Full PDB file with SEQRES, HELIX, SHEET, SSBOND, CRYST1, ORIGX, SCALE, CONECT and MASTER records, all heavy atoms in Angstrom:
SEQRES   1 A   30  LYS ALA VAL ARG LEU GLN LYS GLY ASP TYR ALA LYS VAL          
SEQRES   2 A   30  THR VAL TYR ASN ASP ASP PRO VAL ALA GLN ALA ARG ALA          
SEQRES   3 A   30  PHE VAL ASP ALA                                              
HELIX    1 AA1 PRO A   20  ASP A   29  1                                  10    
SHEET    1 AA1 2 ALA A   2  GLN A   6  0                                        
SHEET    2 AA1 2 ASP A   9  ASN A  17 -1                                        
CRYST1    1.000    1.000    1.000  90.00  90.00  90.00 P 1           1          
ORIGX1      1.000000  0.000000  0.000000        0.00000                         
ORIGX2      0.000000  1.000000  0.000000        0.00000                         
ORIGX3      0.000000  0.000000  1.000000        0.00000                         
SCALE1      1.000000  0.000000  0.000000        0.00000                         
SCALE2      0.000000  1.000000  0.000000        0.00000                         
SCALE3      0.000000  0.000000  1.000000        0.00000                         
ATOM      1  N   LYS A   1       5.999 -14.772  -2.408  1.00  0.00           N  
ATOM      2  CA  LYS A   1       6.631 -13.471  -2.276  1.00  0.00           C  
ATOM      3  C   LYS A   1       8.126 -13.614  -2.026  1.00  0.00           C  
ATOM      4  O   LYS A   1       8.588 -14.639  -1.517  1.00  0.00           O  
ATOM      5  CB  LYS A   1       5.985 -12.677  -1.129  1.00  0.00           C  
ATOM      6  CG  LYS A   1       4.496 -12.423  -1.335  1.00  0.00           C  
ATOM      7  CD  LYS A   1       3.896 -11.664  -0.168  1.00  0.00           C  
ATOM      8  CE  LYS A   1       2.408 -11.410  -0.400  1.00  0.00           C  
ATOM      9  NZ  LYS A   1       1.803 -10.636   0.730  1.00  0.00           N  
ATOM     10  N   ALA A   2       8.877 -12.564  -2.363  1.00  0.00           N  
ATOM     11  CA  ALA A   2      10.305 -12.537  -2.089  1.00  0.00           C  
ATOM     12  C   ALA A   2      10.511 -12.051  -0.656  1.00  0.00           C  
ATOM     13  O   ALA A   2      10.121 -10.928  -0.320  1.00  0.00           O  
ATOM     14  CB  ALA A   2      11.018 -11.616  -3.071  1.00  0.00           C  
ATOM     15  N   VAL A   3      11.126 -12.892   0.172  1.00  0.00           N  
ATOM     16  CA  VAL A   3      11.196 -12.599   1.599  1.00  0.00           C  
ATOM     17  C   VAL A   3      12.605 -12.831   2.139  1.00  0.00           C  
ATOM     18  O   VAL A   3      13.488 -13.346   1.448  1.00  0.00           O  
ATOM     19  CB  VAL A   3      10.214 -13.488   2.398  1.00  0.00           C  
ATOM     20  CG1 VAL A   3       8.808 -13.404   1.819  1.00  0.00           C  
ATOM     21  CG2 VAL A   3      10.685 -14.953   2.418  1.00  0.00           C  
ATOM     22  N   ARG A   4      12.798 -12.508   3.391  1.00  0.00           N  
ATOM     23  CA  ARG A   4      13.997 -12.862   4.133  1.00  0.00           C  
ATOM     24  C   ARG A   4      13.564 -13.301   5.527  1.00  0.00           C  
ATOM     25  O   ARG A   4      12.784 -12.624   6.187  1.00  0.00           O  
ATOM     26  CB  ARG A   4      14.953 -11.672   4.223  1.00  0.00           C  
ATOM     27  CG  ARG A   4      16.121 -11.835   5.179  1.00  0.00           C  
ATOM     28  CD  ARG A   4      16.990 -13.026   4.874  1.00  0.00           C  
ATOM     29  NE  ARG A   4      17.542 -12.988   3.532  1.00  0.00           N  
ATOM     30  CZ  ARG A   4      17.947 -14.056   2.883  1.00  0.00           C  
ATOM     31  NH1 ARG A   4      17.848 -15.253   3.433  1.00  0.00           N  
ATOM     32  NH2 ARG A   4      18.450 -13.966   1.676  1.00  0.00           N  
ATOM     33  N   LEU A   5      14.018 -14.491   5.922  1.00  0.00           N  
ATOM     34  CA  LEU A   5      13.781 -14.965   7.280  1.00  0.00           C  
ATOM     35  C   LEU A   5      14.902 -14.491   8.192  1.00  0.00           C  
ATOM     36  O   LEU A   5      16.040 -14.350   7.768  1.00  0.00           O  
ATOM     37  CB  LEU A   5      13.735 -16.500   7.317  1.00  0.00           C  
ATOM     38  CG  LEU A   5      12.772 -17.217   6.369  1.00  0.00           C  
ATOM     39  CD1 LEU A   5      12.830 -18.722   6.627  1.00  0.00           C  
ATOM     40  CD2 LEU A   5      11.366 -16.698   6.508  1.00  0.00           C  
ATOM     41  N   GLN A   6      14.587 -14.281   9.459  1.00  0.00           N  
ATOM     42  CA  GLN A   6      15.615 -13.991  10.447  1.00  0.00           C  
ATOM     43  C   GLN A   6      16.062 -15.298  11.090  1.00  0.00           C  
ATOM     44  O   GLN A   6      15.262 -15.997  11.709  1.00  0.00           O  
ATOM     45  CB  GLN A   6      15.089 -13.047  11.534  1.00  0.00           C  
ATOM     46  CG  GLN A   6      14.862 -11.628  11.068  1.00  0.00           C  
ATOM     47  CD  GLN A   6      14.517 -10.696  12.214  1.00  0.00           C  
ATOM     48  OE1 GLN A   6      14.789 -10.979  13.370  1.00  0.00           O  
ATOM     49  NE2 GLN A   6      13.897  -9.577  11.874  1.00  0.00           N  
ATOM     50  N   LYS A   7      17.331 -15.633  10.899  1.00  0.00           N  
ATOM     51  CA  LYS A   7      17.914 -16.846  11.470  1.00  0.00           C  
ATOM     52  C   LYS A   7      17.116 -18.095  11.103  1.00  0.00           C  
ATOM     53  O   LYS A   7      17.025 -19.039  11.876  1.00  0.00           O  
ATOM     54  CB  LYS A   7      18.028 -16.720  12.992  1.00  0.00           C  
ATOM     55  CG  LYS A   7      18.929 -15.582  13.453  1.00  0.00           C  
ATOM     56  CD  LYS A   7      19.060 -15.564  14.963  1.00  0.00           C  
ATOM     57  CE  LYS A   7      19.952 -14.441  15.432  1.00  0.00           C  
ATOM     58  NZ  LYS A   7      20.112 -14.411  16.897  1.00  0.00           N  
ATOM     59  N   GLY A   8      16.527 -18.092   9.921  1.00  0.00           N  
ATOM     60  CA  GLY A   8      15.794 -19.253   9.445  1.00  0.00           C  
ATOM     61  C   GLY A   8      14.456 -19.481  10.108  1.00  0.00           C  
ATOM     62  O   GLY A   8      13.858 -20.550   9.955  1.00  0.00           O  
ATOM     63  N   ASP A   9      13.946 -18.476  10.806  1.00  0.00           N  
ATOM     64  CA  ASP A   9      12.689 -18.615  11.547  1.00  0.00           C  
ATOM     65  C   ASP A   9      11.524 -18.224  10.643  1.00  0.00           C  
ATOM     66  O   ASP A   9      11.394 -17.060  10.245  1.00  0.00           O  
ATOM     67  CB  ASP A   9      12.730 -17.724  12.791  1.00  0.00           C  
ATOM     68  CG  ASP A   9      11.544 -17.951  13.731  1.00  0.00           C  
ATOM     69  OD1 ASP A   9      10.530 -18.519  13.283  1.00  0.00           O  
ATOM     70  OD2 ASP A   9      11.652 -17.548  14.904  1.00  0.00           O  
ATOM     71  N   TYR A  10      10.667 -19.196  10.337  1.00  0.00           N  
ATOM     72  CA  TYR A  10       9.537 -18.942   9.454  1.00  0.00           C  
ATOM     73  C   TYR A  10       8.507 -18.004  10.073  1.00  0.00           C  
ATOM     74  O   TYR A  10       7.618 -17.508   9.380  1.00  0.00           O  
ATOM     75  CB  TYR A  10       8.864 -20.263   9.070  1.00  0.00           C  
ATOM     76  CG  TYR A  10       9.577 -21.023   7.973  1.00  0.00           C  
ATOM     77  CD1 TYR A  10      10.738 -21.753   8.235  1.00  0.00           C  
ATOM     78  CD2 TYR A  10       9.090 -21.024   6.668  1.00  0.00           C  
ATOM     79  CE1 TYR A  10      11.394 -22.443   7.237  1.00  0.00           C  
ATOM     80  CE2 TYR A  10       9.732 -21.725   5.657  1.00  0.00           C  
ATOM     81  CZ  TYR A  10      10.892 -22.427   5.957  1.00  0.00           C  
ATOM     82  OH  TYR A  10      11.542 -23.120   4.952  1.00  0.00           O  
ATOM     83  N   ALA A  11       8.608 -17.748  11.364  1.00  0.00           N  
ATOM     84  CA  ALA A  11       7.696 -16.819  12.020  1.00  0.00           C  
ATOM     85  C   ALA A  11       8.221 -15.391  11.989  1.00  0.00           C  
ATOM     86  O   ALA A  11       7.513 -14.455  12.387  1.00  0.00           O  
ATOM     87  CB  ALA A  11       7.457 -17.247  13.471  1.00  0.00           C  
ATOM     88  N   LYS A  12       9.469 -15.211  11.514  1.00  0.00           N  
ATOM     89  CA  LYS A  12      10.074 -13.882  11.462  1.00  0.00           C  
ATOM     90  C   LYS A  12      10.440 -13.573  10.019  1.00  0.00           C  
ATOM     91  O   LYS A  12      11.551 -13.841   9.568  1.00  0.00           O  
ATOM     92  CB  LYS A  12      11.302 -13.819  12.369  1.00  0.00           C  
ATOM     93  CG  LYS A  12      10.969 -14.037  13.846  1.00  0.00           C  
ATOM     94  CD  LYS A  12      12.224 -14.002  14.711  1.00  0.00           C  
ATOM     95  CE  LYS A  12      11.875 -14.210  16.181  1.00  0.00           C  
ATOM     96  NZ  LYS A  12      13.091 -14.217  17.031  1.00  0.00           N  
ATOM     97  N   VAL A  13       9.459 -13.039   9.304  1.00  0.00           N  
ATOM     98  CA  VAL A  13       9.568 -12.854   7.856  1.00  0.00           C  
ATOM     99  C   VAL A  13       9.514 -11.377   7.500  1.00  0.00           C  
ATOM    100  O   VAL A  13       8.658 -10.640   7.996  1.00  0.00           O  
ATOM    101  CB  VAL A  13       8.415 -13.588   7.132  1.00  0.00           C  
ATOM    102  CG1 VAL A  13       8.526 -13.386   5.623  1.00  0.00           C  
ATOM    103  CG2 VAL A  13       8.407 -15.058   7.487  1.00  0.00           C  
ATOM    104  N   THR A  14      10.439 -10.944   6.653  1.00  0.00           N  
ATOM    105  CA  THR A  14      10.382  -9.619   6.054  1.00  0.00           C  
ATOM    106  C   THR A  14      10.115  -9.790   4.565  1.00  0.00           C  
ATOM    107  O   THR A  14      10.829 -10.532   3.889  1.00  0.00           O  
ATOM    108  CB  THR A  14      11.713  -8.864   6.242  1.00  0.00           C  
ATOM    109  OG1 THR A  14      11.982  -8.715   7.635  1.00  0.00           O  
ATOM    110  CG2 THR A  14      11.643  -7.480   5.595  1.00  0.00           C  
ATOM    111  N   VAL A  15       9.078  -9.150   4.062  1.00  0.00           N  
ATOM    112  CA  VAL A  15       8.745  -9.206   2.639  1.00  0.00           C  
ATOM    113  C   VAL A  15       9.470  -8.082   1.924  1.00  0.00           C  
ATOM    114  O   VAL A  15       9.301  -6.905   2.257  1.00  0.00           O  
ATOM    115  CB  VAL A  15       7.229  -9.104   2.405  1.00  0.00           C  
ATOM    116  CG1 VAL A  15       6.925  -9.085   0.900  1.00  0.00           C  
ATOM    117  CG2 VAL A  15       6.498 -10.268   3.085  1.00  0.00           C  
ATOM    118  N   TYR A  16      10.289  -8.438   0.921  1.00  0.00           N  
ATOM    119  CA  TYR A  16      11.024  -7.444   0.148  1.00  0.00           C  
ATOM    120  C   TYR A  16      10.298  -7.071  -1.139  1.00  0.00           C  
ATOM    121  O   TYR A  16      10.446  -5.956  -1.630  1.00  0.00           O  
ATOM    122  CB  TYR A  16      12.422  -7.963  -0.185  1.00  0.00           C  
ATOM    123  CG  TYR A  16      13.382  -7.897   0.974  1.00  0.00           C  
ATOM    124  CD1 TYR A  16      13.771  -9.043   1.651  1.00  0.00           C  
ATOM    125  CD2 TYR A  16      13.895  -6.678   1.399  1.00  0.00           C  
ATOM    126  CE1 TYR A  16      14.648  -8.979   2.724  1.00  0.00           C  
ATOM    127  CE2 TYR A  16      14.767  -6.594   2.463  1.00  0.00           C  
ATOM    128  CZ  TYR A  16      15.140  -7.755   3.122  1.00  0.00           C  
ATOM    129  OH  TYR A  16      16.005  -7.679   4.179  1.00  0.00           O  
ATOM    130  N   ASN A  17       9.550  -8.027  -1.683  1.00  0.00           N  
ATOM    131  CA  ASN A  17       8.842  -7.749  -2.918  1.00  0.00           C  
ATOM    132  C   ASN A  17       7.695  -8.743  -3.045  1.00  0.00           C  
ATOM    133  O   ASN A  17       7.901  -9.951  -2.857  1.00  0.00           O  
ATOM    134  CB  ASN A  17       9.781  -7.866  -4.127  1.00  0.00           C  
ATOM    135  CG  ASN A  17       9.250  -7.156  -5.357  1.00  0.00           C  
ATOM    136  OD1 ASN A  17       8.064  -7.245  -5.677  1.00  0.00           O  
ATOM    137  ND2 ASN A  17      10.126  -6.444  -6.057  1.00  0.00           N  
ATOM    138  N   ASP A  18       6.515  -8.258  -3.353  1.00  0.00           N  
ATOM    139  CA  ASP A  18       5.370  -9.157  -3.526  1.00  0.00           C  
ATOM    140  C   ASP A  18       5.504 -10.003  -4.773  1.00  0.00           C  
ATOM    141  O   ASP A  18       4.818 -11.016  -4.912  1.00  0.00           O  
ATOM    142  CB  ASP A  18       4.071  -8.348  -3.596  1.00  0.00           C  
ATOM    143  CG  ASP A  18       3.689  -7.742  -2.254  1.00  0.00           C  
ATOM    144  OD1 ASP A  18       4.098  -8.287  -1.211  1.00  0.00           O  
ATOM    145  OD2 ASP A  18       2.976  -6.712  -2.252  1.00  0.00           O  
ATOM    146  N   ASP A  19       6.389  -9.594  -5.686  1.00  0.00           N  
ATOM    147  CA  ASP A  19       6.552 -10.294  -6.965  1.00  0.00           C  
ATOM    148  C   ASP A  19       8.020 -10.688  -7.155  1.00  0.00           C  
ATOM    149  O   ASP A  19       8.854  -9.849  -7.516  1.00  0.00           O  
ATOM    150  CB  ASP A  19       6.100  -9.386  -8.113  1.00  0.00           C  
ATOM    151  CG  ASP A  19       6.186 -10.062  -9.478  1.00  0.00           C  
ATOM    152  OD1 ASP A  19       6.642 -11.235  -9.536  1.00  0.00           O  
ATOM    153  OD2 ASP A  19       5.807  -9.418 -10.473  1.00  0.00           O  
ATOM    154  N   PRO A  20       8.353 -11.957  -6.934  1.00  0.00           N  
ATOM    155  CA  PRO A  20       9.745 -12.392  -7.107  1.00  0.00           C  
ATOM    156  C   PRO A  20      10.291 -12.161  -8.511  1.00  0.00           C  
ATOM    157  O   PRO A  20      11.495 -11.925  -8.672  1.00  0.00           O  
ATOM    158  CB  PRO A  20       9.692 -13.890  -6.770  1.00  0.00           C  
ATOM    159  CG  PRO A  20       8.508 -14.029  -5.871  1.00  0.00           C  
ATOM    160  CD  PRO A  20       7.508 -13.041  -6.403  1.00  0.00           C  
ATOM    161  N   VAL A  21       9.441 -12.226  -9.518  1.00  0.00           N  
ATOM    162  CA  VAL A  21       9.907 -12.005 -10.894  1.00  0.00           C  
ATOM    163  C   VAL A  21      10.303 -10.547 -11.078  1.00  0.00           C  
ATOM    164  O   VAL A  21      11.321 -10.232 -11.714  1.00  0.00           O  
ATOM    165  CB  VAL A  21       8.838 -12.425 -11.915  1.00  0.00           C  
ATOM    166  CG1 VAL A  21       9.350 -12.206 -13.333  1.00  0.00           C  
ATOM    167  CG2 VAL A  21       8.435 -13.886 -11.713  1.00  0.00           C  
ATOM    168  N   ALA A  22       9.534  -9.642 -10.490  1.00  0.00           N  
ATOM    169  CA  ALA A  22       9.892  -8.231 -10.542  1.00  0.00           C  
ATOM    170  C   ALA A  22      11.211  -7.995  -9.816  1.00  0.00           C  
ATOM    171  O   ALA A  22      12.036  -7.181 -10.260  1.00  0.00           O  
ATOM    172  CB  ALA A  22       8.781  -7.380  -9.931  1.00  0.00           C  
ATOM    173  N   GLN A  23      11.424  -8.695  -8.715  1.00  0.00           N  
ATOM    174  CA  GLN A  23      12.690  -8.563  -8.003  1.00  0.00           C  
ATOM    175  C   GLN A  23      13.853  -9.060  -8.863  1.00  0.00           C  
ATOM    176  O   GLN A  23      14.931  -8.460  -8.884  1.00  0.00           O  
ATOM    177  CB  GLN A  23      12.641  -9.349  -6.699  1.00  0.00           C  
ATOM    178  CG  GLN A  23      13.872  -9.186  -5.823  1.00  0.00           C  
ATOM    179  CD  GLN A  23      14.078  -7.742  -5.406  1.00  0.00           C  
ATOM    180  OE1 GLN A  23      13.237  -7.154  -4.735  1.00  0.00           O  
ATOM    181  NE2 GLN A  23      15.199  -7.162  -5.797  1.00  0.00           N  
ATOM    182  N   ALA A  24      13.620 -10.153  -9.580  1.00  0.00           N  
ATOM    183  CA  ALA A  24      14.655 -10.667 -10.482  1.00  0.00           C  
ATOM    184  C   ALA A  24      14.984  -9.646 -11.564  1.00  0.00           C  
ATOM    185  O   ALA A  24      16.155  -9.436 -11.908  1.00  0.00           O  
ATOM    186  CB  ALA A  24      14.198 -11.986 -11.106  1.00  0.00           C  
ATOM    187  N   ARG A  25      13.970  -8.986 -12.095  1.00  0.00           N  
ATOM    188  CA  ARG A  25      14.209  -7.957 -13.119  1.00  0.00           C  
ATOM    189  C   ARG A  25      15.024  -6.800 -12.532  1.00  0.00           C  
ATOM    190  O   ARG A  25      15.887  -6.225 -13.210  1.00  0.00           O  
ATOM    191  CB  ARG A  25      12.880  -7.444 -13.663  1.00  0.00           C  
ATOM    192  CG  ARG A  25      12.084  -8.456 -14.484  1.00  0.00           C  
ATOM    193  CD  ARG A  25      10.964  -7.769 -15.246  1.00  0.00           C  
ATOM    194  NE  ARG A  25      10.057  -8.731 -15.855  1.00  0.00           N  
ATOM    195  CZ  ARG A  25       8.863  -9.066 -15.344  1.00  0.00           C  
ATOM    196  NH1 ARG A  25       8.437  -8.485 -14.231  1.00  0.00           N  
ATOM    197  NH2 ARG A  25       8.097  -9.954 -15.944  1.00  0.00           N  
ATOM    198  N   ALA A  26      14.752  -6.457 -11.273  1.00  0.00           N  
ATOM    199  CA  ALA A  26      15.514  -5.389 -10.624  1.00  0.00           C  
ATOM    200  C   ALA A  26      16.983  -5.774 -10.507  1.00  0.00           C  
ATOM    201  O   ALA A  26      17.876  -4.929 -10.679  1.00  0.00           O  
ATOM    202  CB  ALA A  26      14.928  -5.088  -9.249  1.00  0.00           C  
ATOM    203  N   PHE A  27      17.238  -7.045 -10.239  1.00  0.00           N  
ATOM    204  CA  PHE A  27      18.620  -7.512 -10.177  1.00  0.00           C  
ATOM    205  C   PHE A  27      19.290  -7.431 -11.548  1.00  0.00           C  
ATOM    206  O   PHE A  27      20.477  -7.108 -11.653  1.00  0.00           O  
ATOM    207  CB  PHE A  27      18.673  -8.937  -9.631  1.00  0.00           C  
ATOM    208  CG  PHE A  27      18.390  -9.055  -8.148  1.00  0.00           C  
ATOM    209  CD1 PHE A  27      17.808 -10.205  -7.642  1.00  0.00           C  
ATOM    210  CD2 PHE A  27      18.727  -8.038  -7.284  1.00  0.00           C  
ATOM    211  CE1 PHE A  27      17.563 -10.333  -6.279  1.00  0.00           C  
ATOM    212  CE2 PHE A  27      18.488  -8.151  -5.915  1.00  0.00           C  
ATOM    213  CZ  PHE A  27      17.901  -9.300  -5.410  1.00  0.00           C  
ATOM    214  N   VAL A  28      18.541  -7.747 -12.588  1.00  0.00           N  
ATOM    215  CA  VAL A  28      19.080  -7.610 -13.947  1.00  0.00           C  
ATOM    216  C   VAL A  28      19.469  -6.155 -14.203  1.00  0.00           C  
ATOM    217  O   VAL A  28      20.553  -5.856 -14.721  1.00  0.00           O  
ATOM    218  CB  VAL A  28      18.050  -8.082 -14.996  1.00  0.00           C  
ATOM    219  CG1 VAL A  28      18.544  -7.753 -16.406  1.00  0.00           C  
ATOM    220  CG2 VAL A  28      17.791  -9.574 -14.868  1.00  0.00           C  
ATOM    221  N   ASP A  29      18.580  -5.240 -13.838  1.00  0.00           N  
ATOM    222  CA  ASP A  29      18.849  -3.814 -14.044  1.00  0.00           C  
ATOM    223  C   ASP A  29      20.093  -3.360 -13.277  1.00  0.00           C  
ATOM    224  O   ASP A  29      20.785  -2.426 -13.700  1.00  0.00           O  
ATOM    225  CB  ASP A  29      17.641  -2.982 -13.594  1.00  0.00           C  
ATOM    226  CG  ASP A  29      16.426  -3.175 -14.488  1.00  0.00           C  
ATOM    227  OD1 ASP A  29      16.598  -3.661 -15.631  1.00  0.00           O  
ATOM    228  OD2 ASP A  29      15.308  -2.863 -14.044  1.00  0.00           O  
ATOM    229  N   ALA A  30      20.374  -4.036 -12.155  1.00  0.00           N  
ATOM    230  CA  ALA A  30      21.552  -3.694 -11.347  1.00  0.00           C  
ATOM    231  C   ALA A  30      22.821  -4.359 -11.862  1.00  0.00           C  
ATOM    232  O   ALA A  30      23.904  -4.136 -11.323  1.00  0.00           O  
ATOM    233  CB  ALA A  30      21.314  -4.090  -9.889  1.00  0.00           C  
TER     234      ALA A  30                                                      
MASTER        0    0    0    1    2    0    0    6  233    1    0    3          
END                                                                             
Protein backbone atom coordinates (compact mmCIF):
# COMPACT_ATOMS: atom_id res chain seq x y z
CA LYS A 1 0.00 0.00 0.00
CA ALA A 2 0.97 3.64 -0.45
CA VAL A 3 1.69 4.95 3.04
CA ARG A 4 3.44 7.62 5.08
CA LEU A 5 5.38 6.90 8.26
CA GLN A 6 5.62 9.44 11.05
CA LYS A 7 9.29 10.19 11.73
CA GLY A 8 10.23 6.88 10.14
CA ASP A 9 8.31 4.84 12.71
CA TYR A 10 6.94 1.65 11.18
CA ALA A 11 4.37 1.50 13.98
CA LYS A 12 2.91 4.89 12.98
CA VAL A 13 1.54 4.39 9.49
CA THR A 14 -1.01 6.39 7.51
CA VAL A 15 -2.38 4.65 4.41
CA TYR A 16 -2.99 7.09 1.54
CA ASN A 17 -3.97 4.59 -1.11
CA ASP A 18 -4.46 0.82 -1.10
CA ASP A 19 -3.12 0.75 -4.67
CA PRO A 20 0.25 2.46 -5.30
CA VAL A 21 -0.26 2.20 -9.07
CA ALA A 22 -3.54 4.07 -8.79
CA GLN A 23 -1.73 6.71 -6.75
CA ALA A 24 0.89 6.99 -9.48
CA ARG A 25 -1.86 7.52 -12.06
CA ALA A 26 -3.31 10.28 -9.86
CA PHE A 27 0.07 11.98 -9.90
CA VAL A 28 0.13 11.75 -13.69
CA ASP A 29 -3.30 13.38 -13.82
CA ALA A 30 -1.92 16.18 -11.62
